[in-house]
Protein backbone atom coordinates (compact mmCIF):
# COMPACT_ATOMS: atom_id res chain seq x y z
CA UNK A 1 -19.31 -17.83 -22.33
CA UNK A 2 -16.66 -15.66 -20.65
CA UNK A 3 -18.87 -15.46 -17.58
CA UNK A 4 -18.91 -19.25 -17.21
CA UNK A 5 -15.12 -19.34 -17.47
CA UNK A 6 -14.80 -16.68 -14.80
CA UNK A 7 -17.06 -18.60 -12.44
CA UNK A 8 -15.06 -21.79 -12.96
CA UNK A 9 -11.84 -19.84 -12.30
CA UNK A 10 -13.31 -18.51 -9.04
CA UNK A 11 -14.50 -21.98 -7.98
CA UNK A 12 -11.06 -23.45 -8.67
CA UNK A 13 -9.35 -20.77 -6.59
CA UNK A 14 -11.87 -21.15 -3.77
CA UNK A 15 -11.27 -24.92 -3.73
CA UNK A 16 -7.53 -24.28 -3.38
CA UNK A 17 -8.15 -21.85 -0.51
CA UNK A 18 -10.47 -24.34 1.25
CA UNK A 19 -7.76 -26.99 1.22
CA UNK A 20 -5.36 -24.76 3.18
CA UNK A 21 -5.71 -24.24 6.06
CA UNK A 22 -8.43 -26.78 6.82
CA UNK A 23 -10.51 -24.88 9.35
CA UNK A 24 -14.14 -24.67 10.38
CA UNK A 25 -13.55 -20.93 10.85
CA UNK A 26 -12.93 -20.40 7.13
CA UNK A 27 -16.11 -18.93 5.66
CA UNK A 28 -16.80 -18.48 1.95
CA UNK A 29 -19.83 -16.63 0.59
CA UNK A 30 -20.57 -16.27 -3.10
CA UNK A 31 -22.42 -13.04 -3.79
CA UNK A 32 -23.80 -11.60 -7.01
CA UNK A 33 -23.49 -7.87 -7.49
CA UNK A 34 -26.85 -6.63 -8.70
CA UNK A 35 -25.42 -4.69 -11.59
CA UNK A 36 -26.07 -5.04 -15.29
CA UNK A 37 -23.35 -7.68 -15.53
CA UNK A 38 -24.49 -9.82 -12.55
CA UNK A 39 -20.87 -10.14 -11.48
CA UNK A 40 -20.10 -12.84 -8.93
CA UNK A 41 -17.89 -11.92 -6.00
CA UNK A 42 -16.58 -14.06 -3.20
CA UNK A 43 -16.21 -13.01 0.41
CA UNK A 44 -13.63 -15.19 2.13
CA UNK A 45 -12.76 -14.70 5.78
CA UNK A 46 -11.86 -16.41 9.03
CA UNK A 47 -14.92 -16.21 11.27
CA UNK A 48 -12.84 -16.10 14.45
CA UNK A 49 -10.70 -13.21 13.16
CA UNK A 50 -13.13 -10.79 11.48
CA UNK A 51 -15.35 -8.61 13.66
CA UNK A 52 -18.99 -9.14 12.71
CA UNK A 53 -19.63 -5.39 12.37
CA UNK A 54 -16.75 -5.03 9.89
CA UNK A 55 -17.99 -8.02 7.88
CA UNK A 56 -21.50 -6.58 7.78
CA UNK A 57 -20.10 -3.27 6.56
CA UNK A 58 -18.35 -5.07 3.68
CA UNK A 59 -21.52 -7.00 2.79
CA UNK A 60 -23.59 -3.80 2.90
CA UNK A 61 -21.13 -2.04 0.59
CA UNK A 62 -21.25 -4.91 -1.89
CA UNK A 63 -25.05 -4.90 -1.73
CA UNK A 64 -25.10 -1.18 -2.47
CA UNK A 65 -23.23 -1.52 -5.78
CA UNK A 66 -25.60 -0.62 -8.58
CA UNK A 67 -23.21 -0.39 -11.48
CA UNK A 68 -19.89 -2.12 -11.79
CA UNK A 69 -17.31 -0.51 -14.03
CA UNK A 70 -14.40 -2.74 -14.95
CA UNK A 71 -11.53 -0.99 -16.71
CA UNK A 72 -10.38 -2.48 -19.99
CA UNK A 73 -6.99 -4.18 -19.87
């Protein structure tokens, strides 16, 4: 149940980001980390500002995560 709440929280925040600034350059990609927890991440960037090689490096690093350790709060 906590997972569903987290996803809704992310979707709400993404919707707020989409509303400002309204731009076709704003790109949002939801990505699941293939760990035991199947954690959802969001990559948000301005297509006209981020070099494609840097973006690919970030995506590759996220794809390489095998185990996600989240510290207890």
